[in-house]
N, C-alpha and C. Protein backbone atom coordinates (compact mmCIF):
# COMPACT_ATOMS: atom_id res chain seq x y z
N MET A 1 35.10 34.37 10.37
CA MET A 1 34.96 33.00 9.31
C MET A 1 34.33 31.70 10.45
N GLY A 2 33.44 31.06 9.98
CA GLY A 2 32.56 29.87 10.64
C GLY A 2 34.24 28.96 9.90
N GLU A 3 33.56 27.52 10.80
CA GLU A 3 35.20 26.60 11.19
C GLU A 3 35.50 26.34 9.72
N HIS A 4 33.89 25.61 9.23
CA HIS A 4 34.18 25.05 8.08
C HIS A 4 34.70 25.93 7.34
N GLU A 5 34.22 26.83 6.68
CA GLU A 5 35.17 28.18 5.96
C GLU A 5 36.62 28.44 6.43
N ARG A 6 37.09 27.97 7.59
CA ARG A 6 38.61 28.06 7.70
C ARG A 6 39.18 26.54 6.80
N PHE A 7 38.55 25.59 7.61
CA PHE A 7 39.47 24.70 6.95
C PHE A 7 39.04 24.46 5.75
N MET A 8 38.18 24.71 4.86
CA MET A 8 38.30 24.66 3.08
C MET A 8 38.88 24.99 3.00
N ARG A 9 39.91 26.76 3.44
CA ARG A 9 41.07 27.68 2.79
C ARG A 9 41.81 27.09 2.92
N ALA A 10 42.09 25.98 4.25
CA ALA A 10 43.03 24.53 4.12
C ALA A 10 43.26 24.18 3.00
N ALA A 11 42.31 23.62 2.84
CA ALA A 11 41.84 22.58 1.36
C ALA A 11 42.71 23.22 0.61
N LEU A 12 42.10 24.47 0.21
CA LEU A 12 42.83 25.50 -1.22
C LEU A 12 44.35 25.29 -1.39
N GLU A 13 44.82 25.75 -0.02
CA GLU A 13 46.12 26.14 -0.20
C GLU A 13 46.80 24.88 -0.28
N GLN A 14 46.13 23.33 -0.02
CA GLN A 14 46.98 22.36 -0.58
C GLN A 14 46.52 21.85 -2.23
N ALA A 15 45.08 22.80 -2.87
CA ALA A 15 45.06 22.68 -3.71
C ALA A 15 46.13 23.52 -4.26
N ARG A 16 46.13 24.29 -4.20
CA ARG A 16 46.95 25.50 -4.71
C ARG A 16 48.05 24.59 -5.28
N LEU A 17 49.10 24.05 -3.69
CA LEU A 17 50.61 23.51 -4.42
C LEU A 17 50.37 22.65 -4.66
N GLY A 18 49.29 21.85 -4.84
CA GLY A 18 49.02 20.84 -6.43
C GLY A 18 49.18 21.43 -7.38
N ALA A 19 48.73 22.67 -8.24
CA ALA A 19 48.77 22.47 -8.89
C ALA A 19 49.65 23.58 -9.49
N GLU A 20 50.57 23.59 -8.20
CA GLU A 20 51.77 24.26 -8.77
C GLU A 20 52.86 23.17 -8.89
N ALA A 21 52.88 22.00 -8.50
CA ALA A 21 53.46 20.59 -8.75
C ALA A 21 52.60 20.42 -10.29
N GLY A 22 51.86 20.56 -11.06
CA GLY A 22 51.46 20.34 -11.91
C GLY A 22 50.25 19.19 -12.04
N GLU A 23 50.03 19.15 -10.77
CA GLU A 23 48.66 17.84 -11.00
C GLU A 23 47.76 18.63 -11.00
N VAL A 24 46.11 17.79 -11.22
CA VAL A 24 45.29 18.57 -11.11
C VAL A 24 44.87 19.16 -10.10
N PRO A 25 44.40 20.37 -9.44
CA PRO A 25 44.04 21.12 -8.01
C PRO A 25 42.93 20.52 -7.42
N VAL A 26 43.06 20.00 -6.49
CA VAL A 26 42.43 19.58 -5.82
C VAL A 26 42.99 19.27 -4.46
N GLY A 27 42.73 19.76 -3.39
CA GLY A 27 43.19 19.51 -1.77
C GLY A 27 42.69 19.07 -1.30
N ALA A 28 42.94 18.65 0.46
CA ALA A 28 42.10 18.01 1.42
C ALA A 28 42.89 18.01 2.55
N VAL A 29 42.80 18.49 3.88
CA VAL A 29 42.87 18.19 5.05
C VAL A 29 41.64 17.26 5.63
N VAL A 30 42.14 16.97 7.28
CA VAL A 30 41.67 16.45 7.92
C VAL A 30 41.74 16.73 9.45
N VAL A 31 40.69 17.11 10.28
CA VAL A 31 40.44 17.81 10.77
C VAL A 31 39.54 16.73 11.84
N LEU A 32 40.74 16.19 12.89
CA LEU A 32 41.01 15.84 14.57
C LEU A 32 40.45 16.56 15.67
N GLY A 33 39.36 16.74 17.12
CA GLY A 33 39.62 17.33 17.78
C GLY A 33 40.02 19.14 17.57
N GLY A 34 39.50 19.13 16.38
CA GLY A 34 39.55 21.15 16.06
C GLY A 34 40.88 21.43 15.61
N GLU A 35 41.59 20.00 14.86
CA GLU A 35 43.07 20.67 14.75
C GLU A 35 43.67 19.88 13.33
N ILE A 36 44.07 20.44 12.76
CA ILE A 36 44.61 19.87 11.06
C ILE A 36 45.58 18.61 12.04
N ALA A 37 44.74 18.10 11.11
CA ALA A 37 45.55 15.96 11.37
C ALA A 37 46.28 15.38 10.12
N GLY A 38 45.90 16.22 9.20
CA GLY A 38 46.66 15.99 7.43
C GLY A 38 45.95 16.27 6.92
N ARG A 39 46.98 16.73 6.03
CA ARG A 39 47.20 17.06 4.83
C ARG A 39 47.48 16.72 3.16
N GLY A 40 46.55 17.05 2.63
CA GLY A 40 47.20 16.06 1.12
C GLY A 40 46.38 16.76 0.24
N PHE A 41 47.54 17.06 -1.26
CA PHE A 41 47.24 17.27 -2.42
C PHE A 41 47.42 16.13 -3.68
N ASN A 42 46.59 16.36 -4.99
CA ASN A 42 46.81 15.51 -5.62
C ASN A 42 48.27 15.32 -6.02
N ARG A 43 48.30 14.07 -6.00
CA ARG A 43 50.14 13.37 -6.37
C ARG A 43 49.96 12.38 -6.76
N PRO A 44 48.62 11.67 -8.10
CA PRO A 44 49.57 11.05 -8.59
C PRO A 44 50.26 10.73 -10.17
N ILE A 45 50.91 12.16 -10.26
CA ILE A 45 51.69 12.23 -11.36
C ILE A 45 53.31 12.29 -11.11
N ALA A 46 53.35 13.01 -9.76
CA ALA A 46 54.53 12.69 -8.81
C ALA A 46 54.78 11.34 -8.11
N ALA A 47 53.70 10.85 -7.87
CA ALA A 47 53.85 10.08 -7.42
C ALA A 47 53.65 7.97 -8.03
N ALA A 48 53.98 8.40 -9.21
CA ALA A 48 53.33 7.42 -9.56
C ALA A 48 52.00 6.24 -9.38
N ASP A 49 51.52 6.74 -8.94
CA ASP A 49 50.38 6.20 -7.94
C ASP A 49 49.00 6.92 -8.31
N PRO A 50 48.15 5.77 -8.32
CA PRO A 50 46.70 5.87 -8.81
C PRO A 50 45.62 6.18 -7.96
N THR A 51 45.95 5.57 -6.72
CA THR A 51 46.17 6.36 -5.19
C THR A 51 45.83 7.60 -4.99
N ALA A 52 46.80 7.81 -5.53
CA ALA A 52 47.75 9.51 -4.75
C ALA A 52 46.65 10.59 -4.62
N HIS A 53 44.95 10.59 -4.67
CA HIS A 53 44.22 11.84 -4.43
C HIS A 53 44.21 12.54 -3.54
N ALA A 54 43.85 13.24 -3.45
CA ALA A 54 44.01 14.19 -1.71
C ALA A 54 43.38 13.67 -0.76
N GLU A 55 42.42 13.25 -1.06
CA GLU A 55 41.27 13.07 -0.14
C GLU A 55 42.54 11.43 1.17
N VAL A 56 43.14 10.42 -0.44
CA VAL A 56 43.58 9.27 -0.15
C VAL A 56 45.05 9.91 0.42
N VAL A 57 46.08 11.03 0.50
CA VAL A 57 47.46 11.14 0.69
C VAL A 57 46.78 11.80 2.32
N ALA A 58 45.52 13.08 2.22
CA ALA A 58 45.69 13.38 3.45
C ALA A 58 45.33 12.41 4.88
N LEU A 59 44.21 11.20 4.25
CA LEU A 59 44.40 10.14 5.33
C LEU A 59 45.26 9.63 5.54
N ARG A 60 46.14 9.07 4.86
CA ARG A 60 47.27 8.37 4.65
C ARG A 60 48.44 9.76 5.94
N ASP A 61 48.11 10.44 5.87
CA ASP A 61 48.77 12.04 6.51
C ASP A 61 48.33 11.25 7.89
N ALA A 62 47.11 12.11 8.03
CA ALA A 62 46.11 12.07 9.62
C ALA A 62 46.62 9.76 9.99
N ALA A 63 46.17 9.27 9.80
CA ALA A 63 46.29 8.06 10.61
C ALA A 63 47.80 7.60 10.80
N ALA A 64 49.13 8.08 9.46
CA ALA A 64 49.98 8.26 10.97
C ALA A 64 50.78 8.69 11.92
N ARG A 65 50.25 10.22 11.88
CA ARG A 65 50.36 10.97 12.74
C ARG A 65 49.39 10.23 14.31
N ALA A 66 48.41 9.79 13.84
CA ALA A 66 47.44 9.27 14.80
C ALA A 66 47.73 7.49 14.85
N GLY A 67 49.01 7.51 14.31
CA GLY A 67 49.17 5.61 14.56
C GLY A 67 48.19 4.98 14.68
N ASN A 68 46.72 4.93 14.05
CA ASN A 68 45.65 3.90 13.91
C ASN A 68 45.30 4.60 12.07
N TYR A 69 45.16 3.67 11.45
CA TYR A 69 43.55 3.85 11.01
C TYR A 69 42.85 3.94 10.06
N ARG A 70 42.54 3.37 11.38
CA ARG A 70 40.59 4.54 11.79
C ARG A 70 40.75 5.94 12.09
N LEU A 71 39.69 6.76 12.05
CA LEU A 71 39.59 8.24 12.34
C LEU A 71 38.58 8.09 13.06
N PRO A 72 38.21 7.68 13.73
CA PRO A 72 36.41 8.04 14.47
C PRO A 72 37.01 9.55 14.90
N GLY A 73 35.31 10.50 14.53
CA GLY A 73 35.07 11.21 14.32
C GLY A 73 35.74 12.63 13.33
N ALA A 74 37.23 11.79 12.78
CA ALA A 74 37.35 12.72 11.73
C ALA A 74 36.62 13.60 10.82
N ILE A 75 36.72 14.97 10.52
CA ILE A 75 35.84 16.16 9.20
C ILE A 75 37.73 15.83 8.71
N LEU A 76 36.87 15.27 7.01
CA LEU A 76 37.65 15.31 6.12
C LEU A 76 37.04 17.08 5.17
N TYR A 77 37.42 17.42 4.98
CA TYR A 77 37.41 18.99 4.04
C TYR A 77 38.14 18.45 2.80
N VAL A 78 37.42 18.61 1.40
CA VAL A 78 38.31 18.51 0.07
C VAL A 78 37.67 19.43 -0.79
N THR A 79 38.44 19.82 -1.87
CA THR A 79 38.02 20.71 -3.13
C THR A 79 36.81 20.48 -3.18
N ILE A 80 36.90 19.56 -4.31
CA ILE A 80 35.51 18.70 -4.58
C ILE A 80 35.35 17.60 -4.59
N GLU A 81 34.21 17.37 -4.69
CA GLU A 81 33.86 16.12 -4.53
C GLU A 81 34.25 14.87 -4.96
N PRO A 82 34.87 13.91 -3.72
CA PRO A 82 34.90 13.47 -4.23
C PRO A 82 34.53 11.45 -4.99
N CYS A 83 35.71 11.05 -5.50
CA CYS A 83 35.45 10.15 -6.30
C CYS A 83 34.85 8.64 -5.52
N LEU A 84 34.47 7.62 -5.97
CA LEU A 84 34.18 5.94 -5.59
C LEU A 84 35.07 5.83 -5.10
N MET A 85 36.78 5.52 -5.55
CA MET A 85 37.49 5.25 -4.36
C MET A 85 37.53 6.15 -2.99
N CYS A 86 37.86 7.43 -4.04
CA CYS A 86 37.78 7.71 -2.25
C CYS A 86 36.89 8.16 -1.23
N VAL A 87 35.72 7.64 -1.53
CA VAL A 87 34.95 7.78 -0.85
C VAL A 87 34.54 6.10 0.32
N GLY A 88 35.10 5.31 -0.53
CA GLY A 88 35.72 3.78 -0.17
C GLY A 88 36.70 3.98 1.38
N ALA A 89 37.47 5.18 0.50
CA ALA A 89 39.18 5.06 1.82
C ALA A 89 38.30 5.86 2.79
N MET A 90 37.07 6.92 2.76
CA MET A 90 36.97 7.30 4.15
C MET A 90 36.03 6.26 5.02
N VAL A 91 35.28 5.97 4.04
CA VAL A 91 34.79 5.00 5.47
C VAL A 91 35.19 3.28 5.56
N HIS A 92 36.72 3.11 5.21
CA HIS A 92 37.59 2.63 6.14
C HIS A 92 38.08 2.80 6.64
N ALA A 93 38.04 4.49 6.98
CA ALA A 93 38.60 5.34 7.47
C ALA A 93 37.97 5.60 9.10
N ARG A 94 36.55 5.47 8.67
CA ARG A 94 35.52 5.99 9.89
C ARG A 94 35.42 7.17 9.85
N VAL A 95 36.05 8.45 8.54
CA VAL A 95 35.14 9.40 8.98
C VAL A 95 34.23 9.73 8.90
N GLU A 96 34.04 10.99 10.02
CA GLU A 96 32.58 10.95 10.79
C GLU A 96 31.62 11.89 9.72
N THR A 97 32.53 12.55 9.06
CA THR A 97 31.92 14.37 7.87
C THR A 97 32.74 14.48 6.86
N LEU A 98 32.26 14.58 5.25
CA LEU A 98 32.47 15.15 4.73
C LEU A 98 32.15 15.93 4.66
N VAL A 99 33.30 17.30 4.06
CA VAL A 99 32.88 18.45 3.73
C VAL A 99 33.36 18.46 2.36
N PHE A 100 32.98 18.72 1.16
CA PHE A 100 33.25 19.12 -0.17
C PHE A 100 33.02 20.34 -0.43
N GLY A 101 33.42 21.29 -1.33
CA GLY A 101 33.57 22.83 -2.07
C GLY A 101 32.31 22.48 -3.50
N ALA A 102 33.59 22.07 -4.53
CA ALA A 102 32.57 21.98 -5.37
C ALA A 102 32.28 20.71 -6.21
N PRO A 103 30.49 20.95 -6.62
CA PRO A 103 30.58 19.20 -7.48
C PRO A 103 31.25 19.02 -8.41
N GLU A 104 31.42 17.46 -7.99
CA GLU A 104 32.42 16.80 -9.54
C GLU A 104 31.23 15.89 -10.81
N PRO A 105 30.51 16.88 -11.70
CA PRO A 105 29.66 16.66 -12.34
C PRO A 105 30.11 14.76 -13.12
N LYS A 106 32.00 14.09 -13.57
CA LYS A 106 31.32 13.21 -14.10
C LYS A 106 31.94 12.23 -13.49
N ALA A 107 32.63 12.65 -11.86
CA ALA A 107 32.94 11.07 -11.48
C ALA A 107 32.73 11.20 -9.73
N GLY A 108 32.06 12.59 -9.56
CA GLY A 108 31.99 12.83 -8.39
C GLY A 108 30.56 11.55 -7.72
N ALA A 109 31.14 10.58 -6.40
CA ALA A 109 30.35 9.83 -5.81
C ALA A 109 29.77 10.32 -4.27
N VAL A 110 29.41 11.44 -4.61
CA VAL A 110 28.49 11.96 -3.36
C VAL A 110 26.98 12.18 -3.76
N ALA A 111 27.47 12.76 -4.84
CA ALA A 111 26.16 14.02 -4.74
C ALA A 111 25.99 13.31 -6.76
N SER A 112 27.13 13.46 -7.76
CA SER A 112 26.27 14.03 -8.71
C SER A 112 26.35 12.54 -9.41
N THR A 113 27.32 11.94 -9.58
CA THR A 113 26.56 10.47 -10.60
C THR A 113 25.87 9.34 -9.13
N CYS A 114 26.49 9.15 -7.88
CA CYS A 114 26.16 8.25 -6.91
C CYS A 114 25.82 8.88 -6.12
N ARG A 115 25.49 8.01 -5.13
CA ARG A 115 25.59 8.71 -3.12
C ARG A 115 26.24 7.22 -2.42
N ALA A 116 27.68 7.15 -3.02
CA ALA A 116 28.29 5.55 -2.48
C ALA A 116 28.50 5.68 -1.03
N HIS A 117 28.33 6.81 -0.97
CA HIS A 117 28.38 6.56 0.83
C HIS A 117 26.94 6.40 1.56
N GLU A 118 26.18 5.89 0.81
CA GLU A 118 24.93 5.52 0.96
C GLU A 118 24.42 4.27 0.49
N LEU A 119 25.22 3.31 0.38
CA LEU A 119 25.32 2.32 -0.14
C LEU A 119 24.81 1.13 0.89
N PRO A 120 23.79 0.39 0.67
CA PRO A 120 22.91 -0.17 1.76
C PRO A 120 24.08 -1.50 2.37
N SER A 121 25.17 -2.20 2.06
CA SER A 121 25.81 -3.07 2.59
C SER A 121 27.36 -2.25 3.36
N LEU A 122 27.26 -1.24 3.35
CA LEU A 122 28.21 -0.14 4.03
C LEU A 122 28.06 0.00 6.00
N ASN A 123 29.18 -0.78 6.68
CA ASN A 123 29.17 -0.62 7.83
C ASN A 123 29.60 0.62 8.54
N HIS A 124 29.55 1.95 7.40
CA HIS A 124 29.54 3.22 8.58
C HIS A 124 29.14 3.93 7.57
N ARG A 125 28.66 5.35 8.25
CA ARG A 125 27.71 6.10 7.20
C ARG A 125 28.94 7.25 7.60
N ILE A 126 28.72 8.05 6.68
CA ILE A 126 29.34 9.22 6.88
C ILE A 126 28.16 10.28 6.47
N GLY A 127 28.16 11.84 7.78
CA GLY A 127 27.55 12.72 7.28
C GLY A 127 28.34 14.00 5.82
N VAL A 128 27.35 14.54 5.55
CA VAL A 128 27.82 15.11 4.02
C VAL A 128 28.01 16.69 3.99
N VAL A 129 28.44 17.56 4.05
CA VAL A 129 28.26 19.37 4.12
C VAL A 129 28.78 20.11 2.39
N SER A 130 27.60 19.90 1.84
CA SER A 130 28.28 20.48 0.02
C SER A 130 28.61 22.26 0.42
N GLY A 131 28.72 22.49 -0.75
CA GLY A 131 29.03 23.92 -1.21
C GLY A 131 29.93 24.99 -0.14
N VAL A 132 30.41 24.49 0.59
CA VAL A 132 31.69 24.67 1.36
C VAL A 132 32.69 25.61 0.49
N LEU A 133 32.77 26.74 0.35
CA LEU A 133 33.40 27.95 -0.61
C LEU A 133 33.40 27.33 -2.07
N GLU A 134 32.32 27.22 -2.59
CA GLU A 134 31.71 26.47 -3.92
C GLU A 134 32.63 27.35 -4.78
N SER A 135 32.34 28.56 -4.87
CA SER A 135 33.14 29.19 -5.72
C SER A 135 34.74 29.33 -6.58
N ASP A 136 34.81 29.38 -4.95
CA ASP A 136 36.20 29.42 -5.03
C ASP A 136 37.10 28.22 -5.18
N CYS A 137 36.86 26.97 -4.60
CA CYS A 137 36.92 25.98 -5.49
C CYS A 137 36.89 25.16 -6.87
N ARG A 138 35.89 25.90 -7.38
CA ARG A 138 35.30 25.42 -8.68
C ARG A 138 36.12 26.42 -9.77
N ALA A 139 36.52 28.04 -9.35
CA ALA A 139 37.34 28.74 -9.98
C ALA A 139 38.52 27.91 -10.04
N LEU A 140 39.03 27.54 -8.63
CA LEU A 140 40.35 27.29 -8.82
C LEU A 140 40.77 25.63 -10.42
N ILE A 141 40.13 24.98 -10.05
CA ILE A 141 39.84 24.12 -10.84
C ILE A 141 39.67 24.43 -12.32
N GLN A 142 38.77 25.37 -12.48
CA GLN A 142 37.98 25.68 -13.81
C GLN A 142 39.49 26.86 -14.85
N GLU A 143 40.11 27.74 -13.77
CA GLU A 143 41.51 28.17 -13.88
C GLU A 143 42.30 27.04 -14.72
N PHE A 144 42.66 26.14 -13.82
CA PHE A 144 43.85 25.02 -14.20
C PHE A 144 43.89 24.85 -15.03
N PHE A 145 42.25 24.08 -15.42
CA PHE A 145 41.92 23.57 -16.78
C PHE A 145 41.78 24.24 -18.71
N ARG A 146 41.57 25.56 -17.98
CA ARG A 146 41.53 26.90 -18.72
C ARG A 146 43.07 26.63 -19.22
N GLY A 147 44.02 26.79 -18.27
CA GLY A 147 45.17 27.00 -18.56
C GLY A 147 46.07 25.94 -19.70
N ARG A 148 46.03 25.19 -19.15
CA ARG A 148 46.09 23.26 -19.96
C ARG A 148 45.61 24.01 -21.43
N ARG A 149 44.23 23.85 -21.57
CA ARG A 149 43.99 24.31 -22.87
C ARG A 149 44.48 25.59 -23.56
N GLY A 150 44.88 26.47 -22.87
CA GLY A 150 45.59 27.22 -23.57
C GLY A 150 44.88 28.88 -23.16
N GLN A 151 43.27 29.16 -22.43
CA GLN A 151 42.53 29.92 -22.37
C GLN A 151 42.50 30.62 -21.43
N VAL A 152 44.19 31.25 -21.32
CA VAL A 152 43.94 31.34 -20.15
C VAL A 152 44.02 33.28 -20.00
């Protein structure tokens, strides 16, 4: 198993924790120097915080551990394509590379609805790798929403 798959599996573990908590199952991990430096899953309901997306939670965790809000060299793994807010957080954190699993056709701001990370006014560029364990990531979120609709 390659590095991307290994760390995406860790993000999937986080997504499952989110599902168990009744949140939309999106998970993320931040990797620095080949090690997981931050973990997160969606928590907006439990935290009563609209910014508590998995990516932001993982970035906050990594920044707290690093003692710095900037995370140069960081790779952020997330199960679902990030939204516009999360892309902004990644730019501010100076994430080097984003690796995501499945696209998010309604709100994904990296490939699906726009390419927010490529706005010319940004002072930082993020590399992107998509489709890592895409079917696993897609299946987890589809299963969650089928359950919510009573279609299990």
